[in-house]
């Protein structure tokens, strides 16, 4: 009994082992069968992305590691979040967004069904892609093109590409009984590439004989392409990598554009330091306890009064310094700098410490002004001129490849309170804080504007008729050119007579009912307020585009009286266009110790 009882568990364990071994044998036979029958392709197509990312992960333009496997799951939500933030940072005109997207999709569909016949067509396709990029992301595409770097780890990327193509052809070749040798060759190459990519993520890590291995893979793929294969299988694999690459490229493009917009809108560290030190210095100085001394020049209508809206200390300083430097008589110049309460004390101390020949400078906190206007609450807030990146269809050729992109800058809400802020003045010249003056501006005060209110440089590449989607059904001259802020001669007496501030307020309310976009209503109200009230200045008075256009002629820049850095690439930012930055930096006060302490020159 004891012997029989002890033997039964042994036999049971022996039977379990036999069953386990048989199961492993059957499993080992099924795996090659599944592989040879083509099911491998179905399994591996969904797992390839994670295999690829496990062997190596690419880095985006900012150095962050990107996991391709998880990216395909979450990139759509990331793109939507990034797009929302981009829309918040960059004012755009959304009423054309749908039309632009449709035209862009049309171009993509056409390009996907037509092959490139020669180098000329390929170059044209590249130019069209650049245009579409600019329409979607604005000056970021120009900045990216200017700062484009050579592809890093190009050999590793080529290995991945060849590996994917080999995997696409292998299941079909494996089904051909007479091609066992080629099938084995492809399999060995695939395994070798997988091993290399699992150990190497950069070109520097690759083995010395990689060129020979790559050549062997190329030969094997070339042989595989000569045999009739299941086109559906290969097409599925290749479309998978195409879709994945397009989605990934689009995601990184949006992410990079967002980071670019964020860098544009963020105050540089040096300027933030400068503002903080000047604010602390103001409260530690005698200015805090002393009431500001009134100056008769601030109210004298016979002098030349310049108005600057700014919250940037260095920007407003450069505008004033460049204007005074080129003035024949600086004693006639009066500058009124309007800012917010956050920057008021810092700017006030800066202009108290720095003299600009004989010019008088008044710093005003716009948020504390006591104005005699019934609806001042809706307008009395610090705001800079609004810049718009406008895309629209050409009149003669409405195809997507002929979409135009322009940068328009107009007055902000605060500008429409000028007649109430300066009640004793009859005429002022409004300068944006992103301009540099290169000539004497005294002749602007002798202009006969013929009863017009706003003397401005016009941008005739954009007509009002091309912006009907934004301007609504209002009656206006569709052939009129768009006017630009930056340098504007304002007849305040005529403004008061026509009550344009009230006109602007009513137009803003009217347009806001037709669109949910605050930016679109602001552009519409500004353009229509000065309908028939624009005196066109000669184009030599002001040159725009210094903040987005890399192709401006050097001689045109030298001859312009005012350089306007409209666009995202401001000269005080690291993203500023390097070859234009020197015109702005030449008017910085480099002797101020606050600039040295905050490393502003660095």
Foldseek 3Di string as FASTA:
>chain_A
DVVVVVCVVVVVVVVVVVVVVVVVVVVVVVVVVCLQVLVCLVVVLLVVLQLLQLLAFDAFPVRDTDRLNVCVVCLVVVLVVLVVLLCVLAPADCLCVVVLVVLVVVVVVVPVVDDDDDPVSVVVVVVLVLVNLCLVQNLVSVLCVVPPDDDFQVVLVVLVVLLLLLSLLLNFQSNDVVNPVLNVLSVVLNVVSSVQSNQDHGPVRGDPCVVVSVVSSVVSSVVSVVDDGDVVSSVVSVVSVVVSVVSVVVSSSSVSSSVLSVLLPDDDQLQVLLQVVLLVVLCVDCVVVDDDDDDPLLQDQVAAEEEEQDLGQLLQLQALQLQLVAAPDQLRYEYEYEYAPSRQRSNVSVPVVDDRPNYHYHYHHQQPDDWDDPPVVVQRDRDAWHKYWYWFADPVDRRSSRIDTDIATFGDSNVLCVCGRRVSYFKHKYAYSQKGFNHHPVVVVVDDQPLFFKEFAFDQVAFQLRVCSLQDPDDADRNDTFTHPGIIMGGSVSCVVVVLSVQLVVQLVVSCVVDVRSSSSNSNSRRVSRGVRYRHDPPLQEDEDQQRDPPDDPVSVNSRRMYGNPDSQGLQGPSGDVVSNVSSVVSGPPPDVSSVVSVSVD
